[in-house]
N, C-alpha and C. Protein backbone atom coordinates (compact mmCIF):
# COMPACT_ATOMS: atom_id res chain seq x y z
N UNK A 1 -44.22 -132.89 24.59
CA UNK A 1 -42.72 -132.99 24.99
C UNK A 1 -42.35 -131.52 25.65
N UNK A 2 -41.85 -131.75 26.96
CA UNK A 2 -41.40 -130.49 27.60
C UNK A 2 -40.17 -130.89 28.61
N UNK A 3 -39.50 -130.25 28.96
CA UNK A 3 -38.49 -130.31 30.02
C UNK A 3 -38.10 -128.89 30.56
N UNK A 4 -37.35 -128.90 31.54
CA UNK A 4 -36.51 -127.69 32.27
C UNK A 4 -35.20 -127.88 31.87
N UNK A 5 -34.62 -127.05 31.07
CA UNK A 5 -33.23 -126.80 30.65
C UNK A 5 -32.64 -125.72 31.44
N UNK A 6 -31.83 -125.88 32.52
CA UNK A 6 -31.39 -124.85 33.40
C UNK A 6 -32.22 -123.91 33.98
N UNK A 7 -33.68 -124.62 34.51
CA UNK A 7 -34.66 -123.73 34.94
C UNK A 7 -35.47 -123.22 33.90
N UNK A 8 -35.31 -123.31 32.65
CA UNK A 8 -35.99 -122.65 31.79
C UNK A 8 -36.89 -123.80 31.03
N UNK A 9 -38.50 -123.57 30.56
CA UNK A 9 -38.93 -124.45 30.14
C UNK A 9 -38.69 -124.59 28.55
N UNK A 10 -38.59 -125.66 28.19
CA UNK A 10 -38.22 -126.10 26.59
C UNK A 10 -39.21 -126.97 26.21
N UNK A 11 -39.65 -126.80 24.86
CA UNK A 11 -40.77 -127.73 24.23
C UNK A 11 -40.24 -128.14 22.86
N UNK A 12 -38.94 -128.92 22.64
CA UNK A 12 -38.37 -129.38 21.36
C UNK A 12 -39.43 -130.42 20.78
N UNK A 13 -39.08 -130.73 19.52
CA UNK A 13 -39.94 -131.61 18.76
C UNK A 13 -39.47 -132.98 19.00
N UNK A 14 -40.13 -134.03 19.35
CA UNK A 14 -39.40 -135.48 19.74
C UNK A 14 -39.64 -136.30 18.67
N UNK A 15 -38.73 -137.08 18.26
CA UNK A 15 -39.17 -138.44 17.46
C UNK A 15 -38.21 -139.57 18.11
N UNK A 16 -38.84 -140.80 17.53
CA UNK A 16 -38.13 -141.77 18.28
C UNK A 16 -37.67 -142.98 16.76
N UNK A 17 -36.59 -143.35 16.91
CA UNK A 17 -36.20 -144.25 15.92
C UNK A 17 -35.84 -145.67 16.34
N UNK A 18 -36.25 -146.69 15.46
CA UNK A 18 -36.03 -148.10 15.72
C UNK A 18 -34.67 -148.18 14.64
N UNK A 19 -33.44 -148.19 15.42
CA UNK A 19 -32.31 -148.53 14.49
C UNK A 19 -31.72 -149.90 14.44
N UNK A 20 -32.68 -150.74 14.81
CA UNK A 20 -32.44 -152.08 14.72
C UNK A 20 -31.13 -152.56 15.43
N UNK A 21 -31.06 -151.94 16.61
CA UNK A 21 -30.18 -152.41 17.54
C UNK A 21 -30.62 -153.15 18.66
N UNK A 22 -31.14 -154.49 18.27
CA UNK A 22 -31.43 -155.27 19.22
C UNK A 22 -32.80 -155.04 19.90
N UNK A 23 -33.71 -154.44 19.13
CA UNK A 23 -35.03 -153.54 19.62
C UNK A 23 -34.80 -152.63 20.71
N UNK A 24 -33.60 -152.02 20.46
CA UNK A 24 -33.55 -150.93 21.60
C UNK A 24 -33.82 -149.48 20.70
N UNK A 25 -34.11 -148.33 21.35
CA UNK A 25 -34.84 -147.11 20.43
C UNK A 25 -33.90 -145.81 20.96
N UNK A 26 -33.97 -145.04 19.89
CA UNK A 26 -33.22 -143.87 20.00
C UNK A 26 -34.16 -142.82 20.18
N UNK A 27 -34.23 -141.89 21.09
CA UNK A 27 -35.31 -140.92 20.98
C UNK A 27 -34.31 -139.42 20.80
N UNK A 28 -34.87 -138.62 19.98
CA UNK A 28 -34.08 -137.30 19.37
C UNK A 28 -35.10 -136.30 19.70
N UNK A 29 -34.67 -135.20 20.36
CA UNK A 29 -35.47 -133.98 20.68
C UNK A 29 -34.61 -132.80 20.00
N UNK A 30 -35.38 -132.16 19.05
CA UNK A 30 -34.63 -131.05 18.25
C UNK A 30 -35.54 -129.71 18.76
N UNK A 31 -34.72 -128.81 19.12
CA UNK A 31 -35.53 -127.42 19.28
C UNK A 31 -34.99 -126.65 18.00
N UNK A 32 -36.07 -125.69 17.49
CA UNK A 32 -35.99 -124.83 16.32
C UNK A 32 -36.44 -123.63 16.57
N UNK A 33 -35.63 -122.57 16.19
CA UNK A 33 -35.98 -121.23 16.37
C UNK A 33 -37.03 -120.67 15.41
N UNK A 34 -37.34 -119.28 15.49
CA UNK A 34 -38.43 -118.83 14.69
C UNK A 34 -38.23 -118.76 13.24
N UNK A 35 -37.02 -118.80 12.84
CA UNK A 35 -36.69 -119.05 11.57
C UNK A 35 -36.77 -120.63 10.95
N UNK A 36 -37.28 -121.46 11.91
CA UNK A 36 -37.30 -123.10 11.61
C UNK A 36 -35.86 -123.56 11.50
N UNK A 37 -34.82 -122.79 11.98
CA UNK A 37 -33.56 -123.71 12.03
C UNK A 37 -33.16 -124.38 13.42
N UNK A 38 -32.62 -125.49 13.32
CA UNK A 38 -32.38 -126.33 14.44
C UNK A 38 -31.47 -125.61 15.26
N UNK A 39 -31.69 -125.48 16.52
CA UNK A 39 -30.61 -124.71 17.50
C UNK A 39 -29.82 -125.72 18.54
N UNK A 40 -30.62 -127.04 18.83
CA UNK A 40 -29.99 -128.08 19.37
C UNK A 40 -30.47 -129.27 19.24
N UNK A 41 -29.73 -130.31 19.54
CA UNK A 41 -30.45 -131.66 19.59
C UNK A 41 -30.12 -132.48 21.02
N UNK A 42 -30.87 -133.13 21.50
CA UNK A 42 -30.78 -134.05 22.56
C UNK A 42 -30.96 -135.35 22.18
N UNK A 43 -30.14 -136.01 22.24
CA UNK A 43 -30.43 -137.62 21.84
C UNK A 43 -30.07 -138.53 22.97
N UNK A 44 -30.87 -139.54 23.16
CA UNK A 44 -30.70 -140.62 24.17
C UNK A 44 -30.82 -141.76 23.38
N UNK A 45 -29.70 -142.71 23.46
CA UNK A 45 -29.52 -143.75 22.73
C UNK A 45 -29.80 -145.07 23.42
N UNK A 46 -30.07 -146.14 22.82
CA UNK A 46 -30.25 -147.71 23.39
C UNK A 46 -31.07 -147.66 24.28
N UNK A 47 -32.28 -147.12 24.46
CA UNK A 47 -33.60 -147.44 25.19
C UNK A 47 -33.98 -148.84 25.17
N UNK A 48 -34.36 -149.26 26.04
CA UNK A 48 -35.19 -150.54 26.19
C UNK A 48 -36.52 -150.49 26.45
N UNK A 49 -37.58 -150.22 25.42
CA UNK A 49 -38.82 -149.93 25.81
C UNK A 49 -39.48 -151.12 26.42
N UNK A 50 -38.94 -152.20 26.82
CA UNK A 50 -39.68 -153.18 27.59
C UNK A 50 -39.51 -153.12 28.94
N UNK A 51 -38.62 -152.13 29.35
CA UNK A 51 -38.37 -151.84 30.67
C UNK A 51 -39.50 -150.81 31.30
N UNK A 52 -40.57 -151.13 31.53
CA UNK A 52 -41.63 -150.11 31.74
C UNK A 52 -41.37 -149.67 32.97
N UNK A 53 -41.62 -148.42 33.43
CA UNK A 53 -41.73 -147.89 34.75
C UNK A 53 -40.45 -148.32 35.41
N UNK A 54 -39.31 -148.35 35.00
CA UNK A 54 -37.96 -148.86 35.55
C UNK A 54 -37.08 -147.73 34.90
N UNK A 55 -36.28 -146.88 36.03
CA UNK A 55 -35.29 -146.08 35.72
C UNK A 55 -33.99 -146.77 35.10
N UNK A 56 -33.71 -146.31 33.78
CA UNK A 56 -32.61 -146.90 33.00
C UNK A 56 -31.49 -145.69 33.18
N UNK A 57 -30.35 -146.03 33.79
CA UNK A 57 -29.26 -145.04 33.76
C UNK A 57 -28.97 -144.44 32.53
N UNK A 58 -28.57 -143.47 32.25
CA UNK A 58 -27.93 -142.77 31.27
C UNK A 58 -26.54 -142.44 31.38
N UNK A 59 -25.78 -142.87 30.36
CA UNK A 59 -24.33 -142.80 30.49
C UNK A 59 -23.84 -141.98 29.21
N UNK A 60 -22.63 -141.55 29.50
CA UNK A 60 -21.95 -140.71 28.49
C UNK A 60 -22.08 -141.48 26.98
N UNK A 61 -22.34 -140.68 26.08
CA UNK A 61 -22.34 -141.34 24.67
C UNK A 61 -21.06 -141.65 24.24
N UNK A 62 -20.67 -142.82 23.77
CA UNK A 62 -19.66 -143.26 23.12
C UNK A 62 -19.98 -144.00 21.86
N UNK A 63 -19.73 -143.73 20.88
CA UNK A 63 -20.24 -144.40 19.43
C UNK A 63 -19.77 -145.89 19.42
N UNK A 64 -18.53 -146.10 19.88
CA UNK A 64 -17.91 -147.30 19.61
C UNK A 64 -18.42 -148.35 20.83
N UNK A 65 -19.19 -147.82 21.88
CA UNK A 65 -19.96 -148.75 22.69
C UNK A 65 -21.42 -149.04 22.56
N UNK A 66 -22.06 -148.59 21.40
CA UNK A 66 -23.49 -148.66 21.11
C UNK A 66 -23.92 -150.09 21.31
N UNK A 67 -23.00 -151.19 20.80
CA UNK A 67 -23.40 -152.60 20.78
C UNK A 67 -23.43 -153.09 22.16
N UNK A 68 -22.92 -152.24 23.33
CA UNK A 68 -22.99 -152.65 24.82
C UNK A 68 -24.01 -152.49 25.59
N UNK A 69 -25.24 -152.06 24.67
CA UNK A 69 -26.58 -152.01 25.23
C UNK A 69 -26.96 -151.26 26.55
N UNK A 70 -25.95 -150.15 26.69
CA UNK A 70 -26.21 -149.36 27.80
C UNK A 70 -26.90 -147.97 27.29
N UNK A 71 -27.84 -147.38 27.98
CA UNK A 71 -28.19 -146.22 27.55
C UNK A 71 -27.31 -144.93 27.46
N UNK A 72 -27.41 -144.14 26.62
CA UNK A 72 -26.40 -143.00 26.62
C UNK A 72 -27.12 -141.89 26.01
N UNK A 73 -26.30 -140.68 26.04
CA UNK A 73 -27.24 -139.46 25.82
C UNK A 73 -26.07 -138.47 25.31
N UNK A 74 -26.45 -137.41 24.53
CA UNK A 74 -25.42 -136.44 23.86
C UNK A 74 -26.36 -135.09 23.68
N UNK A 75 -25.73 -133.77 23.97
CA UNK A 75 -26.38 -132.66 23.54
C UNK A 75 -25.63 -131.97 22.80
N UNK A 76 -26.25 -131.74 21.65
CA UNK A 76 -25.46 -130.77 20.61
C UNK A 76 -25.96 -129.69 20.27
N UNK A 77 -25.15 -128.52 20.10
CA UNK A 77 -25.70 -127.13 19.77
C UNK A 77 -25.69 -127.06 18.24
N UNK A 78 -26.49 -126.57 17.64
CA UNK A 78 -26.42 -126.33 16.21
C UNK A 78 -26.43 -125.05 15.77
N UNK A 79 -25.57 -124.29 14.96
CA UNK A 79 -25.47 -123.00 14.68
C UNK A 79 -25.80 -122.73 13.12
N UNK A 80 -25.91 -121.32 12.79
CA UNK A 80 -26.27 -120.86 11.38
C UNK A 80 -27.59 -121.35 11.23
N UNK A 81 -27.84 -122.07 10.05
CA UNK A 81 -29.20 -122.55 9.76
C UNK A 81 -29.42 -123.94 10.31
N UNK A 82 -28.67 -124.48 11.14
CA UNK A 82 -29.10 -125.72 11.85
C UNK A 82 -28.11 -126.85 11.40
N UNK A 83 -26.94 -126.52 10.51
CA UNK A 83 -26.47 -127.66 9.99
C UNK A 83 -24.92 -127.51 10.37
N UNK A 84 -24.54 -126.64 11.14
CA UNK A 84 -23.33 -126.11 11.46
C UNK A 84 -23.35 -126.89 13.04
N UNK A 85 -22.01 -127.62 13.11
CA UNK A 85 -21.85 -128.08 14.63
C UNK A 85 -21.47 -127.08 15.46
N UNK A 86 -22.25 -126.85 16.44
CA UNK A 86 -21.80 -125.75 17.65
C UNK A 86 -20.99 -126.80 18.65
N UNK A 87 -21.21 -126.36 20.02
CA UNK A 87 -20.71 -126.95 21.26
C UNK A 87 -21.25 -128.25 21.53
N UNK A 88 -20.74 -129.38 21.83
CA UNK A 88 -21.03 -130.32 22.20
C UNK A 88 -20.99 -130.81 23.75
N UNK A 89 -21.78 -131.45 24.21
CA UNK A 89 -21.97 -131.75 25.82
C UNK A 89 -22.13 -133.14 25.97
N UNK A 90 -21.31 -133.50 27.01
CA UNK A 90 -21.42 -135.14 27.33
C UNK A 90 -22.28 -135.29 28.75
N UNK A 91 -22.64 -136.72 28.92
CA UNK A 91 -23.41 -136.60 30.05
C UNK A 91 -22.32 -136.68 31.42
N UNK A 92 -22.75 -135.80 32.38
CA UNK A 92 -22.06 -135.75 33.42
C UNK A 92 -22.55 -136.87 34.41
N UNK A 93 -21.56 -138.05 34.60
CA UNK A 93 -21.79 -139.25 35.01
C UNK A 93 -21.81 -139.12 36.56
N UNK A 94 -21.43 -138.04 37.20
CA UNK A 94 -21.47 -137.94 38.67
C UNK A 94 -22.84 -137.42 39.22
N UNK A 95 -23.88 -137.21 38.21
CA UNK A 95 -25.23 -136.74 38.49
C UNK A 95 -26.20 -137.91 38.46
N UNK A 96 -27.55 -137.77 38.76
CA UNK A 96 -28.57 -138.63 38.46
C UNK A 96 -29.22 -138.37 37.30
N UNK A 97 -28.70 -139.40 36.20
CA UNK A 97 -29.04 -139.22 34.88
C UNK A 97 -29.95 -140.52 34.70
N UNK A 98 -31.23 -140.47 34.20
CA UNK A 98 -32.27 -141.65 33.99
C UNK A 98 -33.04 -141.29 33.10
N UNK A 99 -33.82 -142.41 32.44
CA UNK A 99 -34.94 -142.28 31.67
C UNK A 99 -35.72 -143.35 31.91
N UNK A 100 -37.17 -143.20 32.10
CA UNK A 100 -38.24 -144.30 32.47
C UNK A 100 -39.14 -144.14 31.49
N UNK A 101 -39.49 -145.36 30.82
CA UNK A 101 -40.46 -145.39 29.90
C UNK A 101 -41.60 -145.87 30.74
N UNK A 102 -42.80 -144.88 30.30
CA UNK A 102 -44.21 -145.16 31.16
C UNK A 102 -45.02 -145.39 30.11
N UNK A 103 -44.98 -145.75 28.69
CA UNK A 103 -45.90 -146.44 28.11
C UNK A 103 -45.06 -146.78 26.80
N UNK A 104 -45.33 -148.19 26.31
CA UNK A 104 -44.87 -148.77 25.19
C UNK A 104 -45.83 -149.55 24.60
N UNK A 105 -46.59 -149.15 23.37
CA UNK A 105 -47.37 -149.87 22.86
C UNK A 105 -46.75 -150.48 21.52
N UNK A 106 -46.47 -151.72 21.48
CA UNK A 106 -45.58 -152.44 20.27
C UNK A 106 -46.37 -152.31 19.02
N UNK A 107 -47.82 -152.17 19.13
CA UNK A 107 -48.51 -152.19 17.80
C UNK A 107 -48.46 -151.04 17.12
N UNK A 108 -48.87 -149.87 17.98
CA UNK A 108 -49.04 -148.65 17.47
C UNK A 108 -47.42 -147.72 17.57
N UNK A 109 -46.58 -148.47 18.17
CA UNK A 109 -45.13 -147.94 18.23
C UNK A 109 -45.31 -146.61 18.92
N UNK A 110 -46.37 -146.38 19.97
CA UNK A 110 -46.42 -145.00 20.82
C UNK A 110 -45.60 -145.20 21.90
N UNK A 111 -44.66 -144.23 22.04
CA UNK A 111 -43.76 -144.33 23.27
C UNK A 111 -43.81 -143.26 24.17
N UNK A 112 -44.02 -143.36 25.29
CA UNK A 112 -44.07 -142.25 26.44
C UNK A 112 -42.84 -142.57 27.28
N UNK A 113 -42.48 -141.42 28.13
CA UNK A 113 -41.46 -141.60 29.02
C UNK A 113 -41.23 -140.24 29.90
N UNK A 114 -40.46 -140.33 30.87
CA UNK A 114 -39.63 -139.25 31.51
C UNK A 114 -38.21 -139.43 31.67
N UNK A 115 -37.51 -138.28 31.77
CA UNK A 115 -36.23 -138.39 31.96
C UNK A 115 -35.67 -137.14 32.76
N UNK A 116 -34.32 -137.34 33.12
CA UNK A 116 -33.54 -136.39 33.76
C UNK A 116 -32.15 -136.65 33.29
N UNK A 117 -31.38 -135.59 32.88
CA UNK A 117 -29.91 -135.86 32.30
C UNK A 117 -29.17 -134.47 32.66
N UNK A 118 -27.93 -134.74 33.09
CA UNK A 118 -27.00 -133.63 33.27
C UNK A 118 -26.07 -133.63 32.39
N UNK A 119 -25.56 -132.52 31.56
CA UNK A 119 -24.60 -132.49 30.64
C UNK A 119 -23.33 -131.53 31.10
N UNK A 120 -22.03 -131.71 30.54
CA UNK A 120 -20.88 -130.97 30.63
C UNK A 120 -20.13 -130.58 29.49
N UNK A 121 -20.04 -129.43 29.36
CA UNK A 121 -19.27 -128.95 27.91
C UNK A 121 -17.87 -130.00 27.81
N UNK A 122 -18.08 -130.51 26.69
CA UNK A 122 -16.97 -131.54 26.12
C UNK A 122 -15.45 -131.18 26.17
N UNK A 123 -15.44 -129.69 25.95
CA UNK A 123 -14.13 -129.23 25.79
C UNK A 123 -13.48 -129.12 27.30
N UNK A 124 -14.19 -129.10 28.34
CA UNK A 124 -13.43 -129.00 29.54
C UNK A 124 -12.67 -130.31 29.82
N UNK A 125 -12.85 -131.48 29.13
CA UNK A 125 -12.25 -132.74 29.02
C UNK A 125 -11.07 -132.71 28.04
N UNK A 126 -11.50 -132.29 26.90
CA UNK A 126 -10.85 -132.56 25.65
C UNK A 126 -9.90 -131.20 25.35
N UNK A 127 -10.33 -130.15 26.03
CA UNK A 127 -9.56 -128.95 25.73
C UNK A 127 -9.84 -128.10 24.33
N UNK A 128 -11.11 -128.54 23.82
CA UNK A 128 -11.39 -127.82 22.41
C UNK A 128 -11.94 -126.65 22.89
N UNK A 129 -11.98 -125.62 22.25
CA UNK A 129 -12.43 -124.27 22.41
C UNK A 129 -13.86 -124.25 22.35
N UNK A 130 -14.49 -123.32 22.83
CA UNK A 130 -16.22 -123.17 22.72
C UNK A 130 -16.28 -122.49 21.42
N UNK A 131 -17.51 -122.86 20.75
CA UNK A 131 -17.65 -122.45 19.45
C UNK A 131 -18.93 -121.21 19.42
N UNK A 132 -19.77 -121.17 20.48
CA UNK A 132 -20.53 -120.31 20.41
C UNK A 132 -20.98 -119.66 21.90
N UNK A 133 -20.59 -120.37 22.90
CA UNK A 133 -21.01 -119.98 24.45
C UNK A 133 -22.54 -119.65 24.30
N UNK A 134 -23.40 -120.22 23.82
CA UNK A 134 -24.93 -120.14 23.97
C UNK A 134 -25.30 -120.67 25.29
N UNK A 135 -24.85 -122.06 25.56
CA UNK A 135 -25.09 -122.62 26.71
C UNK A 135 -23.98 -122.46 27.78
N UNK A 136 -24.22 -122.53 29.36
CA UNK A 136 -23.29 -122.68 30.26
C UNK A 136 -22.54 -123.84 30.24
N UNK A 137 -21.41 -124.16 30.77
CA UNK A 137 -20.48 -125.20 30.73
C UNK A 137 -21.47 -126.64 31.27
N UNK A 138 -22.31 -126.20 32.25
CA UNK A 138 -23.47 -127.31 32.66
C UNK A 138 -24.59 -127.01 32.34
N UNK A 139 -25.27 -128.11 31.69
CA UNK A 139 -26.68 -128.28 31.34
C UNK A 139 -27.54 -129.08 32.21
N UNK A 140 -28.50 -128.65 32.65
CA UNK A 140 -29.38 -129.67 33.57
C UNK A 140 -30.67 -129.74 32.95
N UNK A 141 -30.92 -130.92 32.54
CA UNK A 141 -32.33 -131.11 32.20
C UNK A 141 -33.30 -131.96 33.00
N UNK A 142 -34.19 -131.48 33.69
CA UNK A 142 -35.06 -131.88 34.55
C UNK A 142 -36.46 -132.02 34.15
N UNK A 143 -37.34 -132.60 34.95
CA UNK A 143 -38.75 -132.91 34.65
C UNK A 143 -39.13 -133.10 33.13
N UNK A 144 -38.28 -133.78 32.49
CA UNK A 144 -38.24 -134.22 30.98
C UNK A 144 -39.58 -135.11 30.87
N UNK A 145 -40.37 -134.76 29.88
CA UNK A 145 -41.64 -135.70 29.59
C UNK A 145 -41.77 -135.80 27.97
N UNK A 146 -41.83 -136.70 27.57
CA UNK A 146 -42.05 -137.12 25.99
C UNK A 146 -43.04 -138.09 25.66
N UNK A 147 -43.61 -137.69 24.50
CA UNK A 147 -44.85 -138.63 23.69
C UNK A 147 -44.36 -138.91 22.22
N UNK A 148 -44.20 -139.89 21.86
CA UNK A 148 -43.82 -139.76 20.37
C UNK A 148 -44.29 -141.23 19.80
N UNK A 149 -43.89 -141.37 18.36
CA UNK A 149 -44.17 -142.41 17.69
C UNK A 149 -43.10 -142.92 17.22
N UNK A 150 -42.47 -144.27 17.41
CA UNK A 150 -41.28 -144.65 16.73
C UNK A 150 -41.46 -145.02 15.13
N UNK A 151 -40.43 -144.53 14.48
CA UNK A 151 -40.48 -144.67 13.06
C UNK A 151 -39.16 -145.65 12.83
N UNK A 152 -39.11 -146.29 11.60
CA UNK A 152 -37.86 -146.97 11.54
C UNK A 152 -37.02 -146.15 10.72
N UNK A 153 -35.87 -146.05 10.93
CA UNK A 153 -34.93 -145.16 10.37
C UNK A 153 -34.35 -145.67 9.08
């Protein structure tokens, strides 16, 4: 697993979950610091693994819209020992945001893919203040590649 986050290479730990939403999947990518505390999470919801080699557009994550079967994502910063919410970022829908599944093995539950997604600090829309200022207002994730095994949540 690796991707470019604002031009810097990151290698977070990926997992994928089958949340029983009509066979759609959730891919989570967590980054940990040297003390093994979570520093951020990038999650991509409602991925259709059967759409092999087809770009699926990523939209802004809205919990109440999960049953609409559209792919969505969110980026959340974690503070302290990893369990304190930091700044939250929403998909910037005016950019080219997508995920493409390049391999799906239903028997072994092996999932591989590529993605690109752009986020913007949620407070720019809601007025909420920054909590940490670790990341700039815009986060660009490019050249994303992942390989993981789907587990049942």
